[in-house]
N, C-alpha and C. Protein backbone atom coordinates (compact mmCIF):
# COMPACT_ATOMS: atom_id res chain seq x y z
N UNK A 1 -117.38 -50.35 -31.76
CA UNK A 1 -116.32 -50.63 -33.00
C UNK A 1 -115.98 -51.92 -33.11
N UNK A 2 -116.04 -52.60 -31.92
CA UNK A 2 -115.46 -54.27 -31.92
C UNK A 2 -116.84 -54.91 -32.73
N UNK A 3 -117.93 -54.84 -32.43
CA UNK A 3 -119.00 -55.36 -32.93
C UNK A 3 -118.85 -55.36 -34.49
N UNK A 4 -118.23 -54.29 -35.16
CA UNK A 4 -118.40 -54.07 -36.25
C UNK A 4 -117.37 -54.81 -36.90
N UNK A 5 -116.38 -54.64 -36.31
CA UNK A 5 -115.14 -55.73 -36.78
C UNK A 5 -115.38 -56.91 -36.68
N UNK A 6 -116.09 -57.52 -35.88
CA UNK A 6 -116.35 -58.92 -35.70
C UNK A 6 -117.42 -59.26 -36.82
N UNK A 7 -118.08 -58.33 -37.07
CA UNK A 7 -119.34 -58.78 -38.04
C UNK A 7 -119.30 -58.64 -39.37
N UNK A 8 -117.95 -57.61 -39.58
CA UNK A 8 -117.45 -57.51 -40.86
C UNK A 8 -116.51 -59.00 -41.39
N UNK A 9 -115.79 -59.49 -40.36
CA UNK A 9 -115.23 -60.71 -40.42
C UNK A 9 -116.03 -61.57 -41.12
N UNK A 10 -117.33 -61.57 -40.13
CA UNK A 10 -118.07 -62.94 -40.04
C UNK A 10 -118.82 -62.82 -41.70
N UNK A 11 -118.97 -61.37 -42.49
CA UNK A 11 -119.63 -61.29 -43.59
C UNK A 11 -118.72 -61.83 -44.63
N UNK A 12 -117.26 -61.67 -44.51
CA UNK A 12 -116.33 -62.01 -45.48
C UNK A 12 -116.17 -63.35 -45.47
N UNK A 13 -116.29 -63.96 -44.22
CA UNK A 13 -116.51 -65.39 -44.56
C UNK A 13 -117.96 -66.21 -45.22
N UNK A 14 -118.77 -65.46 -44.92
CA UNK A 14 -119.87 -66.24 -45.60
C UNK A 14 -120.25 -65.68 -46.73
N UNK A 15 -119.74 -64.62 -47.63
CA UNK A 15 -120.08 -63.89 -48.37
C UNK A 15 -120.35 -65.33 -49.66
N UNK A 16 -119.37 -65.73 -49.93
CA UNK A 16 -119.45 -67.06 -51.07
C UNK A 16 -120.54 -68.15 -50.80
N UNK A 17 -120.69 -68.67 -49.66
CA UNK A 17 -121.45 -69.80 -49.56
C UNK A 17 -122.72 -69.41 -49.01
N UNK A 18 -122.77 -68.60 -48.17
CA UNK A 18 -124.04 -68.44 -47.39
C UNK A 18 -124.14 -66.54 -47.33
N UNK A 19 -124.86 -66.36 -48.34
CA UNK A 19 -125.06 -64.59 -48.63
C UNK A 19 -126.16 -64.22 -47.83
N UNK A 20 -127.12 -64.98 -47.50
CA UNK A 20 -128.29 -64.77 -46.32
C UNK A 20 -127.34 -64.43 -45.09
N UNK A 21 -126.41 -65.16 -44.22
CA UNK A 21 -125.84 -64.87 -43.42
C UNK A 21 -124.94 -63.59 -43.76
N UNK A 22 -124.54 -63.56 -45.06
CA UNK A 22 -123.44 -62.38 -45.15
C UNK A 22 -124.33 -60.74 -44.97
N UNK A 23 -125.24 -60.94 -45.11
CA UNK A 23 -126.48 -59.80 -45.74
C UNK A 23 -126.91 -59.46 -44.16
N UNK A 24 -126.98 -60.64 -43.63
CA UNK A 24 -127.51 -60.18 -41.71
C UNK A 24 -126.21 -59.80 -41.12
N UNK A 25 -125.21 -60.34 -41.49
CA UNK A 25 -124.14 -59.42 -40.77
C UNK A 25 -123.92 -58.51 -41.25
N UNK A 26 -123.96 -58.01 -42.56
CA UNK A 26 -123.89 -56.28 -43.04
C UNK A 26 -125.01 -55.63 -42.31
N UNK A 27 -126.33 -56.08 -42.15
CA UNK A 27 -127.27 -55.43 -41.59
C UNK A 27 -127.02 -55.21 -39.98
N UNK A 28 -126.36 -55.75 -39.65
CA UNK A 28 -125.79 -55.91 -37.84
C UNK A 28 -124.42 -54.78 -38.25
N UNK A 29 -123.70 -54.62 -38.99
CA UNK A 29 -122.87 -53.70 -39.11
C UNK A 29 -123.70 -52.38 -39.11
N UNK A 30 -124.46 -52.07 -39.99
CA UNK A 30 -124.96 -50.91 -40.48
C UNK A 30 -125.62 -50.41 -38.95
N UNK A 31 -126.35 -51.23 -38.73
CA UNK A 31 -127.39 -50.80 -37.25
C UNK A 31 -126.31 -50.32 -35.99
N UNK A 32 -124.94 -51.26 -35.88
CA UNK A 32 -124.10 -50.80 -35.16
C UNK A 32 -123.33 -49.53 -35.37
N UNK A 33 -123.14 -48.85 -36.67
CA UNK A 33 -122.44 -48.08 -37.24
C UNK A 33 -123.45 -46.85 -37.02
N UNK A 34 -124.80 -46.88 -37.08
CA UNK A 34 -125.69 -46.05 -36.70
C UNK A 34 -126.00 -45.56 -35.20
N UNK A 35 -125.75 -46.63 -34.90
CA UNK A 35 -125.73 -46.14 -33.06
C UNK A 35 -124.43 -45.53 -32.31
N UNK A 36 -123.31 -45.86 -33.27
CA UNK A 36 -122.36 -45.70 -32.79
C UNK A 36 -122.18 -44.02 -33.23
N UNK A 37 -122.49 -43.74 -34.61
CA UNK A 37 -122.28 -42.15 -35.01
C UNK A 37 -123.44 -41.69 -33.86
N UNK A 38 -124.78 -41.77 -33.76
CA UNK A 38 -125.76 -41.53 -32.60
C UNK A 38 -125.30 -41.22 -31.71
N UNK A 39 -124.34 -41.83 -30.59
CA UNK A 39 -123.37 -41.85 -29.68
C UNK A 39 -122.44 -40.73 -29.57
N UNK A 40 -122.17 -40.94 -30.85
CA UNK A 40 -120.68 -39.86 -31.06
C UNK A 40 -121.16 -38.59 -30.84
N UNK A 41 -122.43 -38.53 -31.43
CA UNK A 41 -122.97 -36.82 -31.76
C UNK A 41 -123.51 -36.78 -30.29
N UNK A 42 -123.80 -37.78 -29.56
CA UNK A 42 -124.54 -37.03 -28.36
C UNK A 42 -123.08 -36.99 -27.41
N UNK A 43 -122.18 -37.50 -27.52
CA UNK A 43 -121.01 -36.99 -26.67
C UNK A 43 -120.63 -35.73 -27.16
N UNK A 44 -120.29 -35.58 -28.63
CA UNK A 44 -119.72 -34.09 -28.95
C UNK A 44 -120.70 -33.02 -29.03
N UNK A 45 -121.97 -33.43 -28.41
CA UNK A 45 -122.89 -32.42 -28.14
C UNK A 45 -122.74 -31.92 -26.54
N UNK A 46 -122.44 -33.27 -25.99
CA UNK A 46 -122.33 -32.66 -24.50
C UNK A 46 -120.54 -32.29 -24.34
N UNK A 47 -119.72 -32.57 -25.11
CA UNK A 47 -118.28 -31.89 -24.54
C UNK A 47 -118.32 -30.40 -25.30
N UNK A 48 -119.14 -30.19 -26.01
CA UNK A 48 -119.44 -28.47 -26.84
C UNK A 48 -120.85 -27.93 -26.41
N UNK A 49 -121.19 -28.41 -24.93
CA UNK A 49 -121.99 -27.64 -24.49
C UNK A 49 -122.52 -26.22 -24.68
N UNK A 50 -123.18 -25.73 -23.88
CA UNK A 50 -123.50 -23.99 -23.84
C UNK A 50 -122.27 -23.36 -23.28
N UNK A 51 -122.10 -22.23 -23.74
CA UNK A 51 -120.91 -21.31 -23.15
C UNK A 51 -120.81 -21.41 -21.83
N UNK A 52 -121.63 -21.38 -20.99
CA UNK A 52 -121.62 -21.60 -19.59
C UNK A 52 -121.61 -22.57 -18.96
N UNK A 53 -121.28 -23.69 -19.70
CA UNK A 53 -120.56 -25.23 -19.13
C UNK A 53 -121.91 -26.13 -18.76
N UNK A 54 -123.42 -25.34 -19.01
CA UNK A 54 -124.56 -26.22 -18.78
C UNK A 54 -124.65 -27.21 -19.97
N UNK A 55 -125.34 -28.13 -19.70
CA UNK A 55 -125.89 -29.18 -21.23
C UNK A 55 -127.48 -28.80 -20.91
N UNK A 56 -127.77 -28.46 -21.98
CA UNK A 56 -129.39 -28.80 -22.27
C UNK A 56 -129.33 -30.17 -22.98
N UNK A 57 -130.57 -30.70 -22.60
CA UNK A 57 -131.36 -31.90 -23.47
C UNK A 57 -131.43 -31.82 -25.05
N UNK A 58 -130.96 -32.39 -25.75
CA UNK A 58 -131.54 -32.48 -27.25
C UNK A 58 -132.89 -32.22 -27.67
N UNK A 59 -133.46 -31.06 -28.54
CA UNK A 59 -134.57 -31.02 -28.58
C UNK A 59 -135.18 -32.02 -29.54
N UNK A 60 -136.89 -32.25 -29.30
CA UNK A 60 -137.23 -33.55 -30.19
C UNK A 60 -138.57 -33.29 -30.93
N UNK A 61 -139.01 -33.88 -31.57
CA UNK A 61 -140.69 -33.25 -31.96
C UNK A 61 -141.57 -33.18 -31.05
N UNK A 62 -141.44 -33.81 -29.88
CA UNK A 62 -142.22 -33.20 -28.96
C UNK A 62 -142.10 -31.57 -28.71
N UNK A 63 -140.88 -31.13 -28.90
CA UNK A 63 -140.77 -29.68 -28.95
C UNK A 63 -141.27 -28.72 -29.84
N UNK A 64 -142.04 -29.20 -31.19
CA UNK A 64 -142.38 -28.73 -32.16
C UNK A 64 -143.12 -27.67 -31.95
N UNK A 65 -143.90 -27.65 -30.82
CA UNK A 65 -144.90 -26.53 -30.70
C UNK A 65 -144.07 -25.13 -30.02
N UNK A 66 -143.35 -25.25 -29.26
CA UNK A 66 -142.31 -24.26 -28.97
C UNK A 66 -141.41 -23.62 -30.22
N UNK A 67 -141.15 -24.92 -31.02
CA UNK A 67 -140.02 -24.15 -32.33
C UNK A 67 -141.30 -22.91 -33.04
N UNK A 68 -142.58 -23.60 -33.14
CA UNK A 68 -143.39 -23.07 -34.18
C UNK A 68 -143.67 -21.66 -33.48
N UNK A 69 -143.94 -21.68 -32.10
CA UNK A 69 -144.45 -20.53 -31.30
C UNK A 69 -143.42 -19.75 -31.46
N UNK A 70 -142.23 -19.83 -31.34
CA UNK A 70 -141.06 -18.97 -31.58
C UNK A 70 -141.06 -18.10 -32.98
N UNK A 71 -141.25 -19.29 -33.82
CA UNK A 71 -141.38 -18.48 -35.48
C UNK A 71 -142.84 -17.67 -35.73
N UNK A 72 -143.69 -17.99 -34.98
CA UNK A 72 -144.74 -16.89 -34.86
C UNK A 72 -144.51 -15.77 -34.40
N UNK A 73 -143.45 -15.68 -33.29
CA UNK A 73 -143.45 -14.80 -32.44
C UNK A 73 -142.66 -13.58 -33.57
N UNK A 74 -141.90 -14.06 -34.34
CA UNK A 74 -141.05 -13.67 -35.37
C UNK A 74 -141.83 -12.52 -36.65
N UNK A 75 -142.91 -13.34 -36.04
CA UNK A 75 -144.29 -12.66 -37.29
C UNK A 75 -144.67 -13.19 -38.48
N UNK A 76 -144.27 -14.73 -38.67
CA UNK A 76 -144.61 -15.64 -39.57
C UNK A 76 -145.24 -16.66 -39.39
N UNK A 77 -146.67 -16.50 -39.89
CA UNK A 77 -147.64 -17.44 -39.38
C UNK A 77 -147.50 -18.91 -39.94
N UNK A 78 -147.94 -19.79 -38.83
CA UNK A 78 -147.20 -20.93 -39.04
C UNK A 78 -148.64 -22.03 -38.69
N UNK A 79 -148.85 -22.89 -39.68
CA UNK A 79 -149.69 -23.93 -39.23
C UNK A 79 -149.11 -25.31 -38.80
N UNK A 80 -149.41 -25.90 -38.02
CA UNK A 80 -148.65 -27.05 -37.44
C UNK A 80 -149.52 -28.26 -37.60
N UNK A 81 -149.41 -29.55 -38.21
CA UNK A 81 -150.25 -30.69 -38.13
C UNK A 81 -149.36 -31.72 -37.83
N UNK A 82 -149.62 -32.56 -36.80
CA UNK A 82 -148.56 -33.54 -36.56
C UNK A 82 -149.69 -34.74 -36.29
N UNK A 83 -148.87 -36.22 -37.04
CA UNK A 83 -149.60 -37.45 -36.78
C UNK A 83 -148.81 -38.37 -36.61
N UNK A 84 -149.46 -39.31 -35.72
CA UNK A 84 -149.00 -40.55 -35.57
C UNK A 84 -147.64 -40.78 -34.16
N UNK A 85 -147.33 -41.67 -33.67
CA UNK A 85 -146.74 -41.50 -32.40
C UNK A 85 -145.37 -41.40 -32.47
N UNK A 86 -145.10 -39.73 -32.26
CA UNK A 86 -143.80 -39.48 -32.04
C UNK A 86 -142.95 -39.83 -31.17
N UNK A 87 -143.78 -40.17 -30.06
CA UNK A 87 -142.79 -40.75 -28.64
C UNK A 87 -142.35 -41.99 -28.70
N UNK A 88 -142.73 -42.64 -29.70
CA UNK A 88 -142.25 -44.21 -29.87
C UNK A 88 -140.86 -43.89 -30.94
N UNK A 89 -140.59 -42.66 -31.64
CA UNK A 89 -139.24 -42.66 -32.58
C UNK A 89 -137.88 -42.95 -32.05
N UNK A 90 -137.04 -43.64 -32.52
CA UNK A 90 -135.69 -43.66 -31.92
C UNK A 90 -135.10 -42.14 -31.72
N UNK A 91 -134.56 -42.17 -30.70
CA UNK A 91 -134.14 -40.68 -30.85
C UNK A 91 -133.01 -40.09 -31.63
N UNK A 92 -132.20 -40.73 -32.46
CA UNK A 92 -131.76 -40.34 -33.13
C UNK A 92 -132.64 -39.85 -34.86
N UNK A 93 -133.76 -40.46 -34.94
CA UNK A 93 -134.55 -40.18 -36.01
C UNK A 93 -135.44 -39.32 -35.66
N UNK A 94 -135.69 -39.28 -34.23
CA UNK A 94 -136.65 -37.81 -33.74
C UNK A 94 -136.11 -36.67 -33.93
N UNK A 95 -134.46 -36.51 -33.57
CA UNK A 95 -133.82 -35.65 -33.19
C UNK A 95 -133.50 -34.94 -34.96
N UNK A 96 -133.12 -35.90 -36.03
CA UNK A 96 -132.83 -35.45 -37.21
C UNK A 96 -134.00 -35.17 -37.62
N UNK A 97 -134.97 -35.19 -37.51
CA UNK A 97 -136.57 -34.87 -37.94
C UNK A 97 -136.88 -32.97 -37.38
N UNK A 98 -136.57 -33.12 -36.23
CA UNK A 98 -136.64 -31.90 -35.65
C UNK A 98 -135.77 -30.92 -36.23
N UNK A 99 -134.63 -31.21 -36.61
CA UNK A 99 -133.54 -30.35 -37.17
C UNK A 99 -134.03 -29.72 -38.76
N UNK A 100 -134.45 -30.78 -39.03
CA UNK A 100 -134.88 -30.59 -40.66
C UNK A 100 -135.78 -29.59 -40.55
N UNK A 101 -137.21 -29.63 -39.55
CA UNK A 101 -138.03 -28.51 -39.30
C UNK A 101 -137.61 -27.39 -38.96
N UNK A 102 -136.69 -27.39 -38.18
CA UNK A 102 -136.01 -25.87 -37.49
C UNK A 102 -135.09 -25.66 -38.56
N UNK A 103 -134.57 -25.99 -39.34
CA UNK A 103 -133.51 -25.69 -40.47
C UNK A 103 -135.02 -24.97 -41.65
N UNK A 104 -135.32 -25.65 -42.02
CA UNK A 104 -136.36 -25.55 -43.00
C UNK A 104 -137.41 -24.00 -42.41
N UNK A 105 -137.56 -24.06 -41.05
CA UNK A 105 -138.34 -22.82 -40.63
C UNK A 105 -137.17 -21.52 -40.67
N UNK A 106 -136.10 -21.98 -40.23
CA UNK A 106 -134.85 -20.35 -40.32
C UNK A 106 -134.73 -20.42 -41.67
N UNK A 107 -134.89 -20.94 -42.57
CA UNK A 107 -134.90 -20.46 -44.03
C UNK A 107 -136.12 -19.70 -44.27
N UNK A 108 -137.20 -20.35 -44.13
CA UNK A 108 -138.66 -19.14 -44.13
C UNK A 108 -138.13 -17.81 -43.36
N UNK A 109 -137.72 -17.87 -42.68
CA UNK A 109 -137.37 -16.31 -41.90
C UNK A 109 -136.28 -15.59 -42.59
N UNK A 110 -135.48 -16.34 -43.16
CA UNK A 110 -134.34 -15.74 -43.72
C UNK A 110 -134.62 -15.24 -45.08
N UNK A 111 -134.86 -15.91 -46.03
CA UNK A 111 -135.02 -16.14 -47.21
C UNK A 111 -137.01 -15.72 -47.96
N UNK A 112 -137.65 -16.07 -47.07
CA UNK A 112 -138.96 -16.22 -47.93
C UNK A 112 -139.56 -14.69 -48.01
N UNK A 113 -138.84 -13.89 -46.98
CA UNK A 113 -140.12 -12.62 -47.10
C UNK A 113 -141.18 -12.82 -46.14
N UNK A 114 -142.33 -12.04 -46.76
CA UNK A 114 -143.45 -12.24 -45.80
C UNK A 114 -143.95 -13.38 -46.32
N UNK A 115 -144.04 -14.56 -45.48
CA UNK A 115 -144.75 -15.51 -46.23
C UNK A 115 -145.76 -16.18 -44.79
N UNK A 116 -146.13 -17.80 -45.47
CA UNK A 116 -147.36 -17.95 -44.45
C UNK A 116 -146.57 -19.22 -44.49
N UNK A 117 -146.69 -20.39 -43.58
CA UNK A 117 -146.22 -21.60 -43.53
C UNK A 117 -146.89 -22.72 -43.04
N UNK A 118 -146.47 -23.97 -43.57
CA UNK A 118 -147.29 -25.10 -43.20
C UNK A 118 -146.15 -26.27 -42.64
N UNK A 119 -146.39 -26.72 -41.78
CA UNK A 119 -145.30 -27.41 -41.24
C UNK A 119 -146.26 -28.93 -40.60
N UNK A 120 -145.93 -29.91 -41.65
CA UNK A 120 -146.68 -31.36 -41.71
C UNK A 120 -145.72 -32.47 -41.24
N UNK A 121 -145.70 -33.01 -39.84
CA UNK A 121 -144.93 -34.17 -39.70
C UNK A 121 -145.80 -35.19 -39.59
N UNK A 122 -145.21 -36.49 -40.18
CA UNK A 122 -146.51 -37.86 -39.98
C UNK A 122 -145.05 -38.98 -39.87
N UNK A 123 -145.78 -39.77 -38.39
CA UNK A 123 -145.26 -40.76 -38.22
C UNK A 123 -145.90 -42.01 -38.49
N UNK A 124 -145.76 -42.86 -39.12
CA UNK A 124 -146.13 -43.98 -39.31
C UNK A 124 -145.53 -45.08 -40.43
N UNK A 125 -146.02 -46.45 -40.32
CA UNK A 125 -145.12 -47.59 -41.26
C UNK A 125 -144.03 -47.33 -41.05
N UNK A 126 -143.28 -47.31 -40.31
CA UNK A 126 -141.98 -47.29 -40.35
C UNK A 126 -141.40 -46.15 -40.60
N UNK A 127 -141.96 -44.73 -41.17
CA UNK A 127 -141.32 -43.90 -41.96
C UNK A 127 -141.80 -42.42 -41.05
N UNK A 128 -140.72 -41.46 -40.84
CA UNK A 128 -141.01 -40.00 -40.74
C UNK A 128 -141.32 -39.36 -41.65
N UNK A 129 -142.33 -38.43 -42.07
CA UNK A 129 -142.20 -37.74 -43.27
C UNK A 129 -142.47 -36.48 -42.70
N UNK A 130 -141.37 -35.13 -43.21
CA UNK A 130 -141.67 -34.19 -42.72
C UNK A 130 -142.07 -33.22 -44.47
N UNK A 131 -143.01 -32.16 -44.32
CA UNK A 131 -142.58 -31.47 -44.84
C UNK A 131 -143.33 -30.13 -44.40
N UNK A 132 -142.46 -29.05 -45.26
CA UNK A 132 -142.30 -27.24 -44.84
C UNK A 132 -142.65 -26.95 -45.69
N UNK A 133 -143.69 -26.24 -46.32
CA UNK A 133 -143.84 -25.37 -47.20
C UNK A 133 -144.33 -23.79 -46.82
N UNK A 134 -143.65 -22.93 -47.64
CA UNK A 134 -144.07 -21.56 -47.44
C UNK A 134 -144.70 -20.97 -49.01
N UNK A 135 -145.00 -20.07 -48.70
CA UNK A 135 -145.74 -19.21 -49.91
C UNK A 135 -145.06 -17.52 -50.30
N UNK A 136 -143.98 -17.73 -49.66
CA UNK A 136 -142.92 -16.50 -49.91
C UNK A 136 -142.53 -16.54 -51.19
N UNK A 137 -141.28 -15.64 -51.26
CA UNK A 137 -140.82 -15.14 -52.53
C UNK A 137 -139.50 -15.77 -52.64
N UNK A 138 -138.67 -16.23 -51.55
CA UNK A 138 -137.88 -16.45 -51.61
C UNK A 138 -137.55 -17.88 -52.79
N UNK A 139 -138.06 -18.51 -53.21
CA UNK A 139 -138.06 -19.58 -54.11
C UNK A 139 -138.63 -19.67 -55.42
N UNK A 140 -139.26 -18.46 -55.64
CA UNK A 140 -140.33 -18.53 -56.63
C UNK A 140 -139.47 -18.93 -57.77
N UNK A 141 -140.66 -20.56 -58.00
CA UNK A 141 -140.12 -20.76 -59.18
C UNK A 141 -138.97 -21.69 -59.38
N UNK A 142 -137.97 -21.32 -58.62
CA UNK A 142 -136.39 -21.81 -58.96
C UNK A 142 -136.54 -23.10 -58.58
N UNK A 143 -135.79 -24.20 -58.96
CA UNK A 143 -135.64 -25.69 -58.46
C UNK A 143 -134.58 -25.22 -57.27
N UNK A 144 -134.71 -26.28 -56.24
CA UNK A 144 -133.28 -25.99 -55.47
C UNK A 144 -132.18 -26.99 -55.63
N UNK A 145 -131.10 -25.93 -55.63
CA UNK A 145 -129.82 -26.50 -56.27
C UNK A 145 -128.83 -27.37 -55.20
N UNK A 146 -129.30 -26.73 -53.52
CA UNK A 146 -128.95 -27.60 -52.64
C UNK A 146 -127.46 -27.50 -52.10
N UNK A 147 -127.44 -25.52 -52.38
CA UNK A 147 -125.68 -25.54 -52.44
C UNK A 147 -125.81 -24.55 -50.91
N UNK A 148 -126.94 -24.40 -49.93
CA UNK A 148 -126.55 -23.72 -48.44
C UNK A 148 -126.10 -25.04 -47.72
N UNK A 149 -125.53 -24.63 -46.84
CA UNK A 149 -125.14 -25.42 -45.75
C UNK A 149 -126.45 -26.01 -45.15
N UNK A 150 -127.52 -25.72 -44.91
CA UNK A 150 -128.83 -25.89 -44.24
C UNK A 150 -129.05 -27.09 -44.96
N UNK A 151 -129.11 -26.82 -46.44
CA UNK A 151 -129.79 -27.83 -47.25
C UNK A 151 -128.84 -29.34 -47.23
N UNK A 152 -127.52 -28.99 -47.26
CA UNK A 152 -126.45 -30.06 -47.10
C UNK A 152 -126.62 -30.69 -45.58
N UNK A 153 -126.50 -29.92 -44.57
CA UNK A 153 -127.08 -30.87 -43.31
C UNK A 153 -128.12 -31.68 -43.28
N UNK A 154 -129.68 -31.00 -43.89
CA UNK A 154 -130.82 -31.87 -44.05
C UNK A 154 -130.53 -32.98 -44.73
N UNK A 155 -129.37 -32.87 -45.78
CA UNK A 155 -129.24 -34.18 -46.77
C UNK A 155 -128.42 -35.19 -45.68
N UNK A 156 -127.39 -34.72 -45.06
CA UNK A 156 -126.80 -35.55 -44.09
C UNK A 156 -127.48 -36.09 -43.05
N UNK A 157 -128.22 -35.81 -42.49
CA UNK A 157 -129.14 -36.10 -41.75
C UNK A 157 -130.24 -37.36 -42.21
N UNK A 158 -130.98 -37.00 -43.32
CA UNK A 158 -131.85 -38.19 -43.93
C UNK A 158 -131.20 -39.24 -44.14
N UNK A 159 -129.70 -39.29 -44.69
CA UNK A 159 -128.50 -40.26 -45.21
C UNK A 159 -128.38 -41.06 -44.22
N UNK A 160 -128.33 -40.45 -42.88
CA UNK A 160 -128.14 -41.50 -41.82
C UNK A 160 -129.10 -42.56 -41.73
N UNK A 161 -130.04 -41.89 -41.86
CA UNK A 161 -131.38 -42.94 -41.58
C UNK A 161 -132.21 -43.55 -42.93
N UNK A 162 -131.20 -43.88 -44.15
CA UNK A 162 -131.69 -44.13 -45.13
C UNK A 162 -133.15 -43.53 -45.70
N UNK A 163 -133.12 -42.03 -45.69
CA UNK A 163 -133.78 -41.38 -46.12
C UNK A 163 -133.96 -40.61 -47.26
N UNK A 164 -134.76 -39.36 -47.91
CA UNK A 164 -134.78 -38.87 -49.19
C UNK A 164 -135.01 -37.75 -48.62
N UNK A 165 -134.61 -36.42 -49.09
CA UNK A 165 -135.09 -34.96 -49.03
C UNK A 165 -135.19 -34.39 -50.50
N UNK A 166 -135.85 -33.49 -50.32
CA UNK A 166 -136.40 -32.81 -51.77
C UNK A 166 -136.56 -31.44 -51.44
N UNK A 167 -136.02 -30.32 -51.75
CA UNK A 167 -136.25 -29.03 -51.35
C UNK A 167 -135.99 -28.35 -52.83
N UNK A 168 -137.11 -27.44 -52.90
CA UNK A 168 -137.22 -26.48 -54.14
C UNK A 168 -138.09 -25.39 -54.03
N UNK A 169 -137.81 -24.39 -55.01
CA UNK A 169 -139.09 -23.54 -55.16
C UNK A 169 -140.16 -24.19 -56.12
N UNK A 170 -141.64 -23.90 -55.79
CA UNK A 170 -142.71 -24.13 -56.33
C UNK A 170 -143.10 -23.34 -57.46
N UNK A 171 -143.73 -24.12 -58.58
CA UNK A 171 -143.78 -23.18 -59.65
C UNK A 171 -145.07 -21.88 -59.56
N UNK A 172 -145.68 -21.84 -58.40
CA UNK A 172 -146.31 -20.64 -58.23
C UNK A 172 -145.90 -19.72 -57.44
N UNK A 173 -144.38 -19.95 -56.55
CA UNK A 173 -143.75 -19.20 -55.45
C UNK A 173 -143.93 -19.99 -54.44
N UNK A 174 -143.17 -19.46 -53.30
CA UNK A 174 -142.88 -20.36 -51.88
C UNK A 174 -141.71 -21.40 -52.30
N UNK A 175 -141.54 -21.91 -51.29
CA UNK A 175 -140.43 -23.18 -51.16
C UNK A 175 -140.93 -24.14 -50.35
N UNK A 176 -140.82 -25.25 -50.69
CA UNK A 176 -140.88 -26.58 -50.09
C UNK A 176 -139.74 -27.43 -49.77
N UNK A 177 -139.68 -28.16 -48.69
CA UNK A 177 -138.85 -29.17 -48.07
C UNK A 177 -139.82 -30.07 -47.61
N UNK A 178 -139.15 -31.49 -48.53
CA UNK A 178 -139.62 -32.33 -47.99
C UNK A 178 -138.66 -33.56 -47.57
N UNK A 179 -138.69 -34.39 -46.48
CA UNK A 179 -137.99 -35.26 -46.03
C UNK A 179 -138.88 -36.55 -45.73
N UNK A 180 -138.17 -37.39 -45.91
CA UNK A 180 -138.65 -39.09 -45.24
C UNK A 180 -137.43 -39.14 -44.70
N UNK A 181 -137.50 -40.22 -43.64
CA UNK A 181 -136.53 -40.92 -42.51
C UNK A 181 -137.01 -42.30 -42.31
N UNK A 182 -136.34 -43.60 -42.37
CA UNK A 182 -136.85 -44.56 -42.41
C UNK A 182 -136.61 -44.82 -40.73
N UNK A 183 -137.55 -45.17 -39.60
CA UNK A 183 -137.48 -45.32 -38.36
C UNK A 183 -136.18 -46.84 -38.19
N UNK A 184 -136.31 -47.61 -38.96
CA UNK A 184 -135.46 -48.42 -38.80
C UNK A 184 -134.09 -48.72 -39.68
N UNK A 185 -133.98 -47.22 -39.99
CA UNK A 185 -132.88 -47.26 -41.00
C UNK A 185 -132.53 -47.99 -42.36
N UNK A 186 -133.50 -48.75 -42.60
CA UNK A 186 -133.77 -49.08 -44.10
C UNK A 186 -134.23 -48.15 -44.94
N UNK A 187 -133.61 -47.94 -46.10
CA UNK A 187 -133.81 -46.92 -46.98
C UNK A 187 -135.82 -47.17 -46.96
N UNK A 188 -135.97 -45.46 -47.20
CA UNK A 188 -137.56 -45.06 -46.95
C UNK A 188 -138.24 -45.47 -48.35
């Protein structure tokens, strides 16, 4: 928080005569804020650990195979495609992308009925793209309104990383969630 205060004071002083310095200070403020929020989330996660007091590590995109296997065991066929170096992603972006896939798959199980799902995750060019499509009947041709808590959570997650999310029914039936997160926090 101290870094944010110092950088905001510097930005205010530089605003008139040195807009380049002001932009740099504002960028530092954004980075420090994002890092602080990620740290706070980790801390809250530790404080609200499992009921038995144990603390499990946060999941990551490296755990997608396990997540997809659980959905398959629930009776829904899933095809997973992953490209790019997921291990190089910052922890916050990694967790946000994982949670988006997790929520999209949970929505398929709850709302799609019998369906087949395709999950595609691509990390390249400073962004992570996530797409989860199903051919079920849950969203048959209806545009996504984003009123569910899961979709709100997805929007909040991508907003933290300068990203975008689109969710809605497909014209021929099924539903698609598409998200893009910036690895460095600049708008994707």
